[in-house]
Protein backbone atom coordinates (compact mmCIF):
# COMPACT_ATOMS: atom_id res chain seq x y z
CA MET A 1 9.87 5.65 -6.82
CA GLU A 2 9.59 2.31 -4.97
CA LEU A 3 5.97 1.20 -4.52
CA GLY A 4 5.07 -1.44 -2.00
CA ILE A 5 2.88 -2.75 0.81
CA TYR A 6 3.13 -3.23 4.51
CA SER A 7 0.97 -5.40 6.78
CA PHE A 8 0.76 -6.41 10.41
CA GLY A 9 -1.16 -9.56 9.65
CA GLU A 10 -4.36 -7.96 11.00
CA THR A 11 -7.00 -10.41 12.24
CA ASP A 12 -10.09 -10.64 14.46
CA PRO A 13 -8.86 -10.66 18.06
CA ARG A 14 -11.66 -12.96 19.02
CA THR A 15 -9.89 -15.74 17.05
CA ALA A 16 -6.43 -15.23 18.60
CA ASN A 17 -6.69 -18.46 20.63
CA ASP A 18 -7.71 -20.56 17.63
CA PRO A 19 -4.47 -21.82 16.06
CA ARG A 20 -6.31 -22.93 12.87
CA VAL A 21 -7.59 -19.44 12.16
CA VAL A 22 -4.29 -17.85 12.97
CA ALA A 23 -2.45 -20.38 10.78
CA GLN A 24 -4.71 -19.51 7.83
CA ARG A 25 -4.06 -15.81 8.28
CA VAL A 26 -0.35 -16.45 8.20
CA ARG A 27 -0.70 -18.50 5.04
CA ASP A 28 -2.84 -15.74 3.52
CA LEU A 29 -0.18 -13.18 4.35
CA ILE A 30 2.50 -15.22 2.59
CA GLU A 31 0.19 -15.45 -0.43
CA GLU A 32 -0.16 -11.66 -0.38
CA ILE A 33 3.58 -11.16 -0.43
CA GLU A 34 3.93 -13.71 -3.21
CA LEU A 35 1.34 -11.88 -5.35
CA ALA A 36 3.02 -8.56 -4.71
CA ASP A 37 6.23 -10.06 -6.08
CA GLN A 38 4.43 -11.46 -9.12
CA VAL A 39 2.70 -8.19 -10.11
CA GLY A 40 5.96 -6.21 -9.98
CA LEU A 41 5.74 -4.29 -6.68
CA ASP A 42 9.07 -3.27 -5.22
CA ILE A 43 8.83 -4.00 -1.48
CA PHE A 44 6.72 -5.72 1.16
CA GLY A 45 7.04 -4.96 4.86
CA VAL A 46 5.59 -6.76 7.88
CA GLY A 47 5.36 -5.17 11.33
CA GLU A 48 5.94 -6.47 14.81
CA HIS A 49 3.13 -6.49 17.34
CA HIS A 50 2.38 -8.49 20.46
CA ARG A 51 -1.42 -8.27 20.51
CA PRO A 52 -4.33 -10.57 19.70
CA ASP A 53 -5.40 -8.45 16.74
CA PHE A 54 -2.16 -9.07 14.75
CA VAL A 55 -0.57 -12.39 13.85
CA VAL A 56 3.03 -11.10 13.28
CA SER A 57 5.22 -10.95 16.33
CA SER A 58 8.36 -12.05 14.55
CA PRO A 59 8.74 -10.24 11.18
CA ALA A 60 11.96 -12.04 10.25
CA VAL A 61 10.25 -15.47 10.42
CA ILE A 62 7.39 -14.34 8.16
CA LEU A 63 9.74 -12.66 5.74
CA ALA A 64 11.99 -15.75 5.64
CA ALA A 65 9.07 -17.88 4.57
CA ALA A 66 8.24 -15.20 1.94
CA ALA A 67 11.86 -15.22 0.72
CA ALA A 68 11.40 -18.87 -0.37
CA ARG A 69 8.30 -17.94 -2.35
CA THR A 70 9.52 -14.79 -4.04
CA SER A 71 12.39 -13.79 -6.34
CA ARG A 72 12.71 -10.03 -6.63
CA ILE A 73 10.68 -8.05 -4.08
CA LYS A 74 12.50 -6.39 -1.20
CA LEU A 75 11.54 -7.75 2.26
CA THR A 76 11.51 -5.45 5.22
CA SER A 77 10.23 -5.16 8.73
CA ALA A 78 7.69 -2.40 9.25
CA VAL A 79 8.61 -2.04 11.97
CA THR A 80 11.04 -3.91 14.21
CA VAL A 81 10.45 -2.59 17.73
CA LEU A 82 14.13 -2.16 18.46
CA SER A 83 13.68 -0.62 21.85
CA SER A 84 12.45 -3.88 23.35
CA ASP A 85 14.59 -6.27 21.29
CA ASP A 86 18.23 -7.31 21.30
CA PRO A 87 20.06 -5.63 18.48
CA VAL A 88 22.45 -8.55 18.12
CA ARG A 89 19.56 -10.96 17.50
CA VAL A 90 17.82 -8.48 15.23
CA PHE A 91 20.97 -8.12 13.11
CA GLN A 92 21.50 -11.92 12.93
CA ASP A 93 17.89 -12.56 11.96
CA PHE A 94 17.94 -10.01 9.14
CA ALA A 95 21.46 -10.97 7.99
CA THR A 96 20.14 -14.53 7.71
CA LEU A 97 17.12 -13.22 5.81
CA ASP A 98 19.45 -11.29 3.50
CA LEU A 99 21.31 -14.54 2.70
CA LEU A 100 18.07 -16.48 2.15
CA SER A 101 16.65 -13.80 -0.11
CA ASN A 102 19.84 -13.17 -2.09
CA GLY A 103 20.28 -9.64 -0.78
CA ARG A 104 16.66 -8.41 -0.50
CA ALA A 105 16.40 -7.81 3.29
CA GLU A 106 15.97 -4.48 5.14
CA ILE A 107 15.27 -3.43 8.72
CA MET A 108 12.81 -0.64 9.49
CA ALA A 109 13.56 0.25 13.10
CA GLY A 110 11.21 2.13 15.38
CA ARG A 111 9.87 2.45 18.92
CA GLY A 112 6.53 0.88 18.01
CA SER A 113 3.01 2.29 18.13
CA PHE A 114 2.02 0.05 21.03
CA ILE A 115 3.65 -0.63 24.37
CA GLU A 116 2.97 -4.34 25.01
CA SER A 117 6.53 -5.43 24.02
CA TYR A 118 8.16 -3.35 26.73
CA PRO A 119 6.86 -5.23 29.84
CA LEU A 120 6.81 -8.48 27.86
CA PHE A 121 10.56 -8.34 27.35
CA GLY A 122 11.40 -6.68 30.67
CA GLN A 123 11.92 -3.16 29.51
CA HIS A 124 10.72 0.04 31.26
CA LEU A 125 8.72 2.68 29.51
CA ASP A 126 10.57 5.33 31.55
CA ASP A 127 13.54 4.41 29.36
CA TYR A 128 11.56 4.78 26.11
CA ASP A 129 13.93 7.28 24.36
CA GLU A 130 17.18 6.00 25.82
CA LEU A 131 16.46 2.39 24.84
CA PHE A 132 15.95 3.21 21.19
CA ILE A 133 18.91 5.54 20.80
CA GLU A 134 21.30 3.15 22.52
CA LYS A 135 20.10 0.00 20.66
CA LEU A 136 20.06 1.82 17.31
CA LYS A 137 23.74 2.84 17.81
CA LEU A 138 24.58 -0.81 18.65
CA LEU A 139 22.68 -2.08 15.58
CA LEU A 140 24.54 0.29 13.32
CA GLN A 141 27.89 -0.79 14.82
CA LEU A 142 26.96 -4.39 14.30
CA ARG A 143 26.30 -3.91 10.56
CA ASP A 144 29.57 -2.01 10.12
CA THR A 145 31.99 -4.54 11.65
CA ALA A 146 31.93 -8.23 12.36
CA VAL A 147 33.93 -8.08 15.64
CA ILE A 148 32.75 -5.46 18.09
CA THR A 149 33.46 -4.16 21.53
CA TRP A 150 30.52 -2.26 23.04
CA SER A 151 29.02 -1.15 26.35
CA GLY A 152 25.86 0.64 27.33
CA GLU A 153 23.29 1.19 30.05
CA HIS A 154 20.56 -1.23 28.93
CA ARG A 155 22.40 -4.30 27.75
CA ALA A 156 25.32 -6.47 28.85
CA PRO A 157 28.64 -5.31 27.30
CA ILE A 158 30.24 -7.07 24.36
CA ASP A 159 34.04 -7.59 24.51
CA ALA A 160 35.58 -8.27 21.11
CA ARG A 161 32.94 -10.73 19.96
CA GLY A 162 32.16 -11.69 16.39
CA VAL A 163 28.60 -11.44 15.26
CA TYR A 164 27.62 -13.78 12.43
CA PRO A 165 26.43 -14.47 9.75
CA ARG A 166 27.25 -11.36 7.73
CA PRO A 167 24.69 -10.27 5.15
CA LEU A 168 25.20 -10.10 1.40
CA GLN A 169 24.38 -6.39 1.40
CA ALA A 170 27.05 -4.12 2.77
CA PRO A 171 25.71 -2.31 4.57
CA LEU A 172 22.36 -3.96 5.35
CA PRO A 173 19.76 -1.23 4.87
CA VAL A 174 18.38 0.22 8.12
CA TRP A 175 15.53 2.74 7.97
CA ILE A 176 14.12 4.76 10.83
CA ALA A 177 10.34 4.74 11.15
CA VAL A 178 8.69 7.69 12.87
CA GLY A 179 5.08 8.81 13.54
CA GLY A 180 5.53 12.58 13.75
CA THR A 181 8.14 13.43 16.37
CA PRO A 182 10.41 16.19 15.05
CA ALA A 183 13.36 15.19 17.16
CA SER A 184 13.29 11.63 15.75
CA ALA A 185 13.26 12.95 12.19
CA MET A 186 16.15 15.29 12.84
CA ARG A 187 18.13 12.51 14.50
CA ALA A 188 17.66 10.26 11.49
CA GLY A 189 18.82 13.04 9.21
CA ALA A 190 21.93 13.76 11.28
CA MET A 191 22.79 10.04 11.36
CA GLY A 192 22.32 9.73 7.55
CA LEU A 193 19.59 7.09 7.77
CA PRO A 194 16.55 6.77 5.46
CA LEU A 195 13.32 7.98 7.00
CA ALA A 196 9.88 6.29 6.94
CA VAL A 197 7.01 8.60 7.92
CA ALA A 198 3.64 7.10 8.95
CA ILE A 199 0.71 9.34 7.77
CA ILE A 200 -2.49 7.64 8.77
CA GLY A 201 -4.72 10.63 9.51
CA GLY A 202 -5.16 14.30 8.77
CA PRO A 203 -3.90 16.30 5.80
CA PRO A 204 -0.59 14.88 4.50
CA GLU A 205 0.68 18.43 3.86
CA ARG A 206 1.13 18.95 7.58
CA PHE A 207 4.09 16.60 7.36
CA VAL A 208 5.91 18.71 4.75
CA SER A 209 7.74 20.69 7.44
CA PHE A 210 8.57 17.45 9.21
CA VAL A 211 10.35 16.00 6.21
CA LYS A 212 12.08 19.39 5.73
CA LEU A 213 13.45 19.10 9.30
CA TYR A 214 14.87 15.73 8.36
CA ARG A 215 16.59 17.01 5.21
CA ASP A 216 17.82 20.18 6.88
CA ALA A 217 19.37 18.08 9.71
CA ALA A 218 21.14 15.92 7.13
CA ARG A 219 22.47 19.01 5.39
CA ARG A 220 23.79 20.47 8.65
CA ALA A 221 25.62 17.20 9.33
CA GLY A 222 27.37 17.49 5.99
CA ARG A 223 25.22 14.94 4.23
CA ASP A 224 23.45 15.20 0.87
CA PRO A 225 19.74 14.88 1.42
CA ALA A 226 19.37 13.74 -2.22
CA THR A 227 21.08 10.48 -1.23
CA MET A 228 18.80 9.82 1.75
CA PRO A 229 15.43 8.26 0.79
CA VAL A 230 12.14 9.12 2.41
CA SER A 231 9.22 6.69 2.56
CA ILE A 232 5.57 7.70 3.14
CA ASN A 233 3.58 4.85 4.78
CA SER A 234 -0.18 5.14 4.70
CA HIS A 235 -3.45 3.20 4.94
CA GLY A 236 -5.25 2.39 1.71
CA LEU A 237 -7.32 0.02 -0.39
CA ILE A 238 -7.86 -0.22 -4.11
CA ALA A 239 -10.95 -1.58 -5.92
CA GLU A 240 -12.43 -1.23 -9.36
CA THR A 241 -14.55 1.74 -8.23
CA SER A 242 -14.36 4.27 -5.41
CA GLN A 243 -17.68 3.12 -4.05
CA ARG A 244 -16.47 -0.52 -3.87
CA ALA A 245 -13.21 0.53 -2.24
CA ALA A 246 -14.98 2.43 0.50
CA GLU A 247 -17.56 -0.31 0.96
CA ILE A 248 -14.75 -2.85 1.63
CA ALA A 249 -12.49 -0.57 3.69
CA PHE A 250 -14.83 1.24 6.02
CA PRO A 251 -16.21 -1.63 8.26
CA PRO A 252 -12.81 -3.05 9.22
CA TYR A 253 -11.37 0.50 9.49
CA VAL A 254 -14.06 1.35 12.03
CA GLU A 255 -13.48 -1.92 13.91
CA MET A 256 -9.73 -1.50 14.09
CA MET A 257 -9.47 2.28 14.71
CA GLY A 258 -12.44 2.17 17.04
CA ARG A 259 -10.78 -0.51 19.19
CA ILE A 260 -7.45 1.33 19.29
CA GLY A 261 -9.30 4.62 19.93
CA ARG A 262 -11.06 3.19 22.94
CA GLU A 263 -7.68 2.19 24.39
CA ARG A 264 -6.19 5.59 23.82
CA GLY A 265 -9.23 7.86 24.44
CA TRP A 266 -9.79 8.94 20.87
CA PRO A 267 -13.25 9.78 19.58
CA PRO A 268 -14.91 6.90 17.69
CA PRO A 269 -14.41 6.95 13.91
CA SER A 270 -17.37 8.07 11.84
CA ARG A 271 -18.33 7.80 8.20
CA PRO A 272 -17.98 11.60 7.65
CA HIS A 273 -14.47 11.41 9.11
CA PHE A 274 -13.61 8.44 6.90
CA ASP A 275 -14.98 10.20 3.82
CA ALA A 276 -12.80 13.26 4.61
CA GLU A 277 -9.74 11.05 4.91
CA ILE A 278 -10.29 9.38 1.52
CA ALA A 279 -10.86 12.75 -0.18
CA PRO A 280 -8.09 13.99 -2.52
CA ASP A 281 -6.31 15.85 0.28
CA GLY A 282 -6.89 13.30 3.01
CA ALA A 283 -4.51 10.68 4.43
CA LEU A 284 -6.15 7.47 3.25
CA LEU A 285 -5.39 6.09 -0.23
CA VAL A 286 -8.73 4.35 -0.63
CA GLY A 287 -10.41 4.42 -4.01
CA SER A 288 -10.31 3.40 -7.61
CA PRO A 289 -6.96 2.90 -9.30
CA GLN A 290 -7.04 6.39 -10.81
CA GLN A 291 -7.88 8.01 -7.44
CA VAL A 292 -4.95 6.21 -5.78
CA ILE A 293 -2.64 7.18 -8.71
CA ASP A 294 -3.65 10.78 -8.32
CA LYS A 295 -3.07 10.74 -4.55
CA ILE A 296 0.31 9.15 -4.83
CA LEU A 297 1.36 11.84 -7.31
CA TYR A 298 -0.14 14.56 -5.14
CA GLU A 299 1.93 13.35 -2.16
CA HIS A 300 5.02 13.01 -4.33
CA ALA A 301 4.62 16.72 -5.23
CA LEU A 302 4.49 17.49 -1.56
CA PHE A 303 7.40 15.39 -0.33
CA GLY A 304 9.55 14.36 -3.30
CA HIS A 305 9.77 10.93 -1.53
CA GLN A 306 11.41 7.88 -2.91
CA ARG A 307 9.11 5.20 -1.54
CA MET A 308 5.37 4.74 -0.97
CA LEU A 309 4.07 1.86 1.17
CA LEU A 310 0.33 1.16 1.59
CA GLN A 311 -1.33 -0.90 4.29
CA PHE A 312 -4.35 -2.60 2.77
CA SER A 313 -5.38 -4.67 5.78
CA VAL A 314 -6.45 -1.98 8.23
CA GLY A 315 -8.58 -4.29 10.34
CA PRO A 316 -9.66 -7.76 9.14
CA VAL A 317 -10.14 -7.00 5.47
CA PRO A 318 -11.20 -10.14 3.56
CA HIS A 319 -8.19 -11.86 1.95
CA ALA A 320 -9.81 -11.92 -1.51
CA ASP A 321 -10.19 -8.11 -1.37
CA ILE A 322 -6.58 -7.65 -0.34
CA LEU A 323 -5.45 -9.82 -3.21
CA LYS A 324 -7.55 -7.79 -5.69
CA SER A 325 -6.07 -4.58 -4.19
CA ILE A 326 -2.57 -5.89 -4.64
CA GLU A 327 -3.35 -6.93 -8.25
CA LEU A 328 -4.67 -3.48 -9.12
CA TYR A 329 -1.75 -1.80 -7.35
CA GLY A 330 0.79 -3.76 -9.28
CA THR A 331 -0.78 -3.91 -12.67
CA VAL A 332 -2.57 -0.52 -12.94
CA VAL A 333 -1.42 1.95 -10.30
CA ALA A 334 2.29 1.24 -10.20
CA PRO A 335 2.88 1.39 -13.99
CA ALA A 336 0.93 4.64 -14.24
CA VAL A 337 2.87 6.25 -11.30
CA ARG A 338 6.23 5.15 -12.76
CA GLN A 339 5.30 6.49 -16.13
CA ALA A 340 4.25 9.84 -14.66
CA LEU A 341 7.47 10.14 -12.71
CA GLY A 342 9.64 8.78 -15.48
CA VAL A 343 11.00 5.85 -13.51
CA GLY A 344 10.89 2.09 -13.75
CA SER A 345 10.44 -0.62 -11.18
CA VAL A 346 13.36 -0.40 -8.80
CA SER A 347 13.46 -4.09 -8.17
CA SER A 348 13.29 -5.16 -11.86
């Protein structure tokens, strides 16, 4: 199993207009990726957002900086909001990243969990589904051939044009990230693309049927599901003790999820709800190293997945606590999980 981290570069939105604070958060994020590489984790992802509470709007730029400071860890977007971007530019950015990193780049494509990018880049939410499907098909065509001819409804046509540079990896890995829409999972299965499932609340077991839909769709399309990886992406934090982990994670979790909840009409997060989510059958992987080991293995028994990504910075978690969490993940949790599953580090 691949074990890794994803981050959006979470920060306090009240500091969004202070370039000095934002610059430090960006430097901290690069340091986090560098440490993940050093402690033997397999992959680090950064996600695209266009809001004051996240510093990453261009994952490829952050990952390119990280490529120069790392040597083995895979570098992926988590996610690229493909619906509001230009697939040609996305492909070129990540092909360049692949060259810089000596073949360690990936794209995790999705619609995004927020809508700010759509009006920002002149897209219409009424075209939400059509945009993603059309642009995904173009992205896949771009990675398969250097010179393409293409036409669609939401982008100017391309007439026998070359798209360069070409990446080292052939093909450049493209994952589909979903949040629980069955049709999206089945589409990914039918297209033969790896699936990343975000589980950030509620019992993880409720997604078992969702992953089954993906694998069944792959099988119906004549594909072997065993060759199509699944990633589970969840919130978490690791500290020396369960009490310390909860003490660190809860205040920023309440701040972040409360702010998003107010935007979306969700009930405010509470400590009892948080405690239920960090329980053995909850969605959050917050606790001591042994508790996180046990939960990863519990979820592997549910899904048989090939990748586990944890988001440690749910809200503005102090940088020092994120670094400690990464250290424990790489030096304690990951070796124990690999030993239990009889696998080694994928990137070693």
